[in-house]
Amino acid sequence: MIEQLIDAQLDFIDQEFAQTETIQHEFKQFYHWLRLQQLQHIWSFPQIFELLEKQILATPASSFLVEQIAEHIRFALIHPLNEQTTIEDVIPVLTIDSIAQYVASKSGHRQRLIRTIVNNPAFSALITQLIQHSIQDYLDNSVMSKRVPGVGHFMKMGKSVLETVTDSNLNETIGHYLQKNILKISQMSEKVLNQHFNDDKLYHFQANLWHKIKVMPLSVLRNYVEVQDLPKTVGMGHDIWEHIRQTDYLKQQVHDGVYAWYARNQERTFDLLLRDLNIDENLIENELSNLLVPILGQVIQTGYLRQRARAYLEKFYYSDKIQQILALE
């Protein structure tokens, strides 16, 4: 009798879950229950953080995943559509204009950046070398000295006299002057750069740049990304991640970030949390439930559902309590 009851119930389960409507109904009912539950009643902060810590920080990315990332980037770069698709087809002009206005309006940030650059010793050395080379090139190759008879000889003579008077060559003299006046030169450079990159000029510079590049095909990106080097460059990015994921710094950042998120959302229901991910009742009823139908179909057809259900039904019917009930019957 017990075996007949078990077989009858298994037949009933197979029949019920073979119907698409049953799956959709049960999935919808589960969603209606879940949407009313608060986050804090289901998961605690330590549970969420420990999961992220284990799966993201403590677990290295597989070599296969790294290879797949490089392959997907390569595929995107060499896709035939890139030849017929222009930059303006995928990037809206209004977004570019908003970015240009935003960047141009940050005059305070820009001025601080320019001041940092011009006061850097590397910038001073670069300007010094450029001025020295420019003066030397002018003395040696100026148009006037080549076209006007005697001017070239006169300029060389002047250079010779200057070197005799200063007891040093011209390059050393200019270099000494520039070193003494580098602060003044840096201040002049900062002033000129701020004038050249004021809000209005910077905005128009970005706008003109956009008009030049917007008609270019996306395939132009291959000029700046070496497709054949992707395994190496993606690998270097992976090496950086491998190091930073093991640092106390990132662990603390993840801990505090998750804690802040949990504190803001612990009293919110799953309905609101799922909506943040664009998951609503319509998606549950249609797309997600439709994805489950073929999975459960395979579960039934392969006998997996029947096998697992039988294990629990046998435990139930052969338990002492049910044996007592059947004996009384």
Protein backbone atom coordinates (compact mmCIF):
# COMPACT_ATOMS: atom_id res chain seq x y z
CA MET A 1 0.00 0.00 0.00
CA ILE A 2 2.84 2.39 0.88
CA GLU A 3 4.54 1.75 -2.45
CA GLN A 4 1.26 2.34 -4.27
CA LEU A 5 0.79 5.63 -2.39
CA ILE A 6 4.33 6.75 -3.22
CA ASP A 7 3.92 5.88 -6.91
CA ALA A 8 0.57 7.64 -7.05
CA GLN A 9 2.00 10.79 -5.50
CA LEU A 10 5.00 10.73 -7.84
CA ASP A 11 2.67 10.39 -10.82
CA PHE A 12 0.66 13.34 -9.48
CA ILE A 13 3.81 15.50 -9.10
CA ASP A 14 4.99 14.61 -12.60
CA GLN A 15 1.60 15.45 -14.06
CA GLU A 16 1.24 18.75 -12.21
CA PHE A 17 4.72 20.08 -12.94
CA ALA A 18 4.56 18.98 -16.55
CA GLN A 19 2.06 21.82 -17.05
CA THR A 20 3.51 25.23 -17.84
CA GLU A 21 0.71 26.97 -15.96
CA THR A 22 1.67 25.22 -12.72
CA ILE A 23 5.29 26.38 -12.94
CA GLN A 24 4.30 29.96 -13.72
CA HIS A 25 1.74 29.98 -10.90
CA GLU A 26 4.13 28.60 -8.29
CA PHE A 27 6.92 30.91 -9.36
CA LYS A 28 4.56 33.89 -9.18
CA GLN A 29 3.31 32.85 -5.73
CA PHE A 30 6.89 32.52 -4.49
CA TYR A 31 7.67 36.01 -5.82
CA HIS A 32 4.61 37.44 -4.08
CA TRP A 33 5.86 35.97 -0.82
CA LEU A 34 9.47 37.04 -1.31
CA ARG A 35 8.62 40.62 -2.33
CA LEU A 36 7.10 41.30 1.10
CA GLN A 37 10.11 40.09 3.09
CA GLN A 38 12.59 42.60 4.47
CA LEU A 39 16.27 42.12 3.75
CA GLN A 40 17.16 41.96 7.44
CA HIS A 41 14.70 39.08 7.98
CA ILE A 42 16.37 36.93 5.30
CA TRP A 43 20.10 37.75 5.31
CA SER A 44 22.37 39.42 7.85
CA PHE A 45 25.27 41.72 7.02
CA PRO A 46 27.92 39.13 8.07
CA GLN A 47 26.38 36.54 5.74
CA ILE A 48 26.53 38.88 2.73
CA PHE A 49 30.03 40.12 3.49
CA GLU A 50 31.42 36.64 4.13
CA LEU A 51 30.02 35.45 0.80
CA LEU A 52 31.57 38.37 -1.10
CA GLU A 53 34.85 38.01 0.77
CA LYS A 54 35.08 34.32 -0.03
CA GLN A 55 33.93 34.43 -3.67
CA ILE A 56 35.54 37.71 -4.76
CA LEU A 57 38.48 38.54 -2.50
CA ALA A 58 39.66 35.10 -1.43
CA THR A 59 39.04 33.25 -4.70
CA PRO A 60 41.40 33.88 -7.64
CA ALA A 61 39.96 34.22 -11.13
CA SER A 62 40.43 31.11 -13.21
CA SER A 63 42.80 31.17 -16.15
CA PHE A 64 39.85 30.24 -18.38
CA LEU A 65 37.93 33.34 -17.26
CA VAL A 66 40.92 35.59 -18.01
CA GLU A 67 41.23 34.00 -21.46
CA GLN A 68 37.53 34.52 -22.10
CA ILE A 69 37.75 38.21 -21.15
CA ALA A 70 40.59 38.73 -23.62
CA GLU A 71 38.71 36.79 -26.30
CA HIS A 72 35.50 38.82 -25.88
CA ILE A 73 37.41 42.10 -26.10
CA ARG A 74 39.19 40.86 -29.22
CA PHE A 75 35.90 39.75 -30.78
CA ALA A 76 34.33 43.15 -30.08
CA LEU A 77 37.28 44.97 -31.66
CA ILE A 78 37.42 42.91 -34.86
CA HIS A 79 33.65 42.64 -35.37
CA PRO A 80 32.69 43.45 -39.00
CA LEU A 81 30.05 45.95 -37.86
CA ASN A 82 32.82 48.27 -36.68
CA GLU A 83 33.60 49.13 -40.31
CA GLN A 84 30.09 50.46 -40.99
CA THR A 85 29.33 51.91 -37.56
CA THR A 86 30.55 55.41 -36.75
CA ILE A 87 31.38 56.80 -33.33
CA GLU A 88 28.31 59.08 -33.38
CA ASP A 89 26.10 56.01 -33.99
CA VAL A 90 26.88 54.62 -30.53
CA ILE A 91 27.62 57.79 -28.53
CA PRO A 92 24.82 60.41 -28.37
CA VAL A 93 25.88 63.95 -29.20
CA LEU A 94 23.90 65.38 -26.27
CA THR A 95 25.96 63.27 -23.87
CA ILE A 96 29.18 64.54 -25.45
CA ASP A 97 27.94 68.11 -25.16
CA SER A 98 27.04 67.60 -21.50
CA ILE A 99 30.50 66.17 -20.82
CA ALA A 100 32.15 69.09 -22.65
CA GLN A 101 30.16 71.63 -20.62
CA TYR A 102 30.93 69.81 -17.37
CA VAL A 103 34.68 69.60 -18.04
CA ALA A 104 34.83 73.22 -19.22
CA SER A 105 33.02 74.45 -16.10
CA LYS A 106 35.57 72.91 -13.70
CA SER A 107 37.92 75.88 -13.90
CA GLY A 108 39.10 75.50 -10.29
CA HIS A 109 40.14 71.86 -10.81
CA ARG A 110 41.78 72.75 -14.10
CA GLN A 111 43.80 75.62 -12.61
CA ARG A 112 45.03 73.41 -9.77
CA LEU A 113 46.05 70.74 -12.27
CA ILE A 114 47.95 73.27 -14.41
CA ARG A 115 49.69 74.68 -11.33
CA THR A 116 50.75 71.19 -10.26
CA ILE A 117 52.12 70.43 -13.73
CA VAL A 118 54.10 73.66 -14.25
CA ASN A 119 55.63 73.46 -10.77
CA ASN A 120 56.84 69.93 -11.36
CA PRO A 121 60.63 69.64 -11.85
CA ALA A 122 60.06 67.46 -14.92
CA PHE A 123 58.06 70.27 -16.54
CA SER A 124 60.78 72.79 -15.73
CA ALA A 125 63.43 70.53 -17.26
CA LEU A 126 61.28 70.02 -20.37
CA ILE A 127 60.71 73.77 -20.88
CA THR A 128 64.41 74.49 -20.35
CA GLN A 129 65.43 71.96 -22.98
CA LEU A 130 62.81 73.18 -25.47
CA ILE A 131 63.95 76.80 -25.15
CA GLN A 132 67.62 75.85 -25.45
CA HIS A 133 67.04 73.72 -28.52
CA SER A 134 64.82 76.37 -30.11
CA ILE A 135 67.41 79.12 -29.70
CA GLN A 136 70.23 76.87 -30.91
CA ASP A 137 68.18 75.78 -33.91
CA TYR A 138 67.33 79.38 -34.76
CA LEU A 139 70.97 80.44 -34.65
CA ASP A 140 72.04 77.49 -36.77
CA ASN A 141 69.17 77.23 -39.25
CA SER A 142 67.21 80.48 -39.31
CA VAL A 143 65.70 81.46 -42.65
CA MET A 144 67.26 84.92 -42.47
CA SER A 145 70.79 83.57 -42.04
CA LYS A 146 70.29 81.36 -45.10
CA ARG A 147 68.68 83.92 -47.42
CA VAL A 148 70.39 87.22 -46.51
CA PRO A 149 74.11 87.31 -47.39
CA GLY A 150 76.37 87.89 -44.40
CA VAL A 151 73.68 87.40 -41.74
CA GLY A 152 74.71 83.83 -41.01
CA HIS A 153 78.34 84.90 -40.52
CA PHE A 154 77.20 87.82 -38.35
CA MET A 155 75.08 85.54 -36.10
CA LYS A 156 77.95 83.07 -35.70
CA MET A 157 80.27 85.94 -34.83
CA GLY A 158 77.80 87.24 -32.25
CA LYS A 159 77.56 83.80 -30.74
CA SER A 160 81.35 83.56 -30.59
CA VAL A 161 81.66 86.98 -28.93
CA LEU A 162 79.01 86.07 -26.35
CA GLU A 163 80.78 82.83 -25.51
CA THR A 164 84.10 84.70 -25.15
CA VAL A 165 82.63 87.35 -22.83
CA THR A 166 80.75 84.84 -20.63
CA ASP A 167 83.65 82.36 -20.69
CA SER A 168 81.17 79.55 -21.48
CA ASN A 169 79.36 78.18 -24.50
CA LEU A 170 75.95 79.52 -25.48
CA ASN A 171 74.02 76.47 -24.26
CA GLU A 172 75.51 76.75 -20.78
CA THR A 173 74.77 80.49 -20.68
CA ILE A 174 71.14 79.99 -21.69
CA GLY A 175 70.78 77.05 -19.32
CA HIS A 176 72.15 79.09 -16.42
CA TYR A 177 69.75 81.95 -17.19
CA LEU A 178 66.77 79.61 -17.41
CA GLN A 179 67.64 77.92 -14.13
CA LYS A 180 67.80 81.30 -12.38
CA ASN A 181 64.48 82.39 -13.88
CA ILE A 182 62.62 79.07 -13.98
CA LEU A 183 60.13 80.20 -11.32
CA LYS A 184 59.20 83.22 -13.40
CA ILE A 185 59.00 81.07 -16.53
CA SER A 186 56.74 78.58 -14.73
CA GLN A 187 54.46 81.39 -13.59
CA MET A 188 54.30 82.71 -17.15
CA SER A 189 53.55 79.19 -18.41
CA GLU A 190 50.75 78.80 -15.88
CA LYS A 191 49.23 82.13 -16.92
CA VAL A 192 49.43 81.30 -20.65
CA LEU A 193 47.93 77.82 -20.13
CA ASN A 194 45.05 79.20 -18.06
CA GLN A 195 44.37 81.79 -20.76
CA HIS A 196 44.49 79.18 -23.50
CA PHE A 197 42.33 76.70 -21.59
CA ASN A 198 39.65 78.98 -20.20
CA ASP A 199 36.07 77.69 -19.99
CA ASP A 200 34.96 78.95 -23.39
CA LYS A 201 38.07 77.84 -25.34
CA LEU A 202 38.15 74.44 -23.69
CA TYR A 203 34.48 73.84 -24.51
CA HIS A 204 34.99 74.74 -28.17
CA PHE A 205 38.14 72.64 -28.32
CA GLN A 206 36.17 69.59 -27.16
CA ALA A 207 33.32 70.39 -29.54
CA ASN A 208 35.68 70.71 -32.52
CA LEU A 209 37.40 67.46 -31.55
CA TRP A 210 34.03 65.69 -31.46
CA HIS A 211 33.11 66.93 -34.93
CA LYS A 212 36.40 65.54 -36.25
CA ILE A 213 36.07 62.08 -34.76
CA LYS A 214 32.30 61.48 -34.80
CA VAL A 215 32.28 60.30 -38.44
CA MET A 216 35.15 57.87 -37.92
CA PRO A 217 34.26 54.16 -37.92
CA LEU A 218 34.58 52.23 -34.69
CA SER A 219 37.28 50.16 -36.35
CA VAL A 220 39.64 53.10 -35.73
CA LEU A 221 39.95 51.79 -32.16
CA ARG A 222 42.21 49.06 -33.50
CA ASN A 223 44.80 51.79 -34.15
CA TYR A 224 45.07 52.32 -30.40
CA VAL A 225 44.53 48.78 -29.08
CA GLU A 226 46.89 46.02 -30.16
CA VAL A 227 44.52 43.09 -30.67
CA GLN A 228 47.33 40.53 -30.73
CA ASP A 229 48.59 41.84 -27.38
CA LEU A 230 45.24 41.43 -25.58
CA PRO A 231 46.21 38.18 -23.81
CA LYS A 232 49.23 40.02 -22.39
CA THR A 233 47.47 43.29 -21.49
CA VAL A 234 44.46 41.55 -19.97
CA GLY A 235 46.90 39.33 -18.09
CA MET A 236 48.65 42.40 -16.66
CA GLY A 237 45.28 43.75 -15.52
CA HIS A 238 44.61 40.39 -13.90
CA ASP A 239 47.98 40.55 -12.12
CA ILE A 240 47.01 43.92 -10.64
CA TRP A 241 43.67 42.50 -9.47
CA GLU A 242 45.38 39.42 -8.03
CA HIS A 243 47.50 41.67 -5.82
CA ILE A 244 44.88 44.21 -4.77
CA ARG A 245 42.21 41.62 -3.95
CA GLN A 246 44.49 40.21 -1.24
CA THR A 247 45.24 43.55 0.41
CA ASP A 248 43.73 44.68 3.71
CA TYR A 249 42.83 47.93 1.93
CA LEU A 250 40.34 46.34 -0.48
CA LYS A 251 38.96 44.05 2.20
CA GLN A 252 38.19 47.06 4.38
CA GLN A 253 36.70 48.97 1.42
CA VAL A 254 34.39 46.05 0.58
CA HIS A 255 33.45 45.59 4.24
CA ASP A 256 32.55 49.24 4.76
CA GLY A 257 30.82 49.53 1.38
CA VAL A 258 28.62 46.49 2.00
CA TYR A 259 27.89 47.67 5.54
CA ALA A 260 26.78 51.10 4.29
CA TRP A 261 24.57 49.46 1.63
CA TYR A 262 23.07 47.05 4.16
CA ALA A 263 22.38 49.84 6.67
CA ARG A 264 20.45 51.77 4.01
CA ASN A 265 18.51 48.78 2.71
CA GLN A 266 17.99 46.38 5.62
CA GLU A 267 14.41 47.55 6.21
CA ARG A 268 13.48 47.64 2.52
CA THR A 269 11.48 44.76 1.10
CA PHE A 270 12.78 42.49 -1.65
CA ASP A 271 10.20 44.03 -3.96
CA LEU A 272 12.09 47.35 -3.81
CA LEU A 273 15.50 45.68 -3.93
CA LEU A 274 14.52 43.70 -7.04
CA ARG A 275 13.16 46.83 -8.69
CA ASP A 276 16.62 48.35 -8.31
CA LEU A 277 17.73 45.53 -10.65
CA ASN A 278 14.76 46.11 -13.01
CA ILE A 279 13.08 42.89 -11.84
CA ASP A 280 9.32 43.35 -11.46
CA GLU A 281 6.20 41.19 -11.50
CA ASN A 282 5.87 41.39 -15.29
CA LEU A 283 9.42 40.04 -15.71
CA ILE A 284 8.71 37.27 -13.21
CA GLU A 285 5.49 36.22 -14.96
CA ASN A 286 6.94 36.21 -18.44
CA GLU A 287 10.68 36.09 -19.11
CA LEU A 288 11.96 34.44 -15.91
CA SER A 289 9.20 31.83 -15.63
CA ASN A 290 9.62 30.99 -19.32
CA LEU A 291 13.30 30.36 -18.67
CA LEU A 292 12.40 27.92 -15.90
CA VAL A 293 9.92 25.89 -17.95
CA PRO A 294 12.50 24.05 -20.12
CA ILE A 295 14.71 23.44 -17.04
CA LEU A 296 11.89 21.82 -15.08
CA GLY A 297 10.86 19.96 -18.22
CA GLN A 298 14.28 18.31 -18.28
CA VAL A 299 14.07 17.65 -14.53
CA ILE A 300 10.85 15.69 -15.11
CA GLN A 301 11.85 13.95 -18.36
CA THR A 302 15.15 12.69 -16.98
CA GLY A 303 13.43 11.32 -13.88
CA TYR A 304 15.45 13.53 -11.50
CA LEU A 305 12.35 15.05 -9.84
CA ARG A 306 10.81 11.61 -9.36
CA GLN A 307 14.04 10.25 -7.88
CA ARG A 308 14.45 13.04 -5.36
CA ALA A 309 10.76 13.11 -4.44
CA ARG A 310 10.77 9.32 -3.87
CA ALA A 311 13.62 9.65 -1.36
CA TYR A 312 11.59 12.03 0.80
CA LEU A 313 8.30 10.20 0.37
CA GLU A 314 9.92 6.94 1.49
CA LYS A 315 11.30 8.69 4.57
CA PHE A 316 7.83 10.02 5.25
CA TYR A 317 5.81 6.83 4.78
CA TYR A 318 8.27 4.51 6.48
CA SER A 319 8.71 6.80 9.49
CA ASP A 320 7.48 5.48 12.84
CA LYS A 321 4.73 8.09 13.07
CA ILE A 322 3.17 7.20 9.70
CA GLN A 323 3.59 3.48 10.38
CA GLN A 324 1.57 3.95 13.58
CA ILE A 325 -1.13 5.86 11.70
CA LEU A 326 -1.35 3.18 9.00
CA ALA A 327 -1.48 0.46 11.65
CA LEU A 328 -4.45 2.17 13.28
CA GLU A 329 -6.19 2.32 9.92
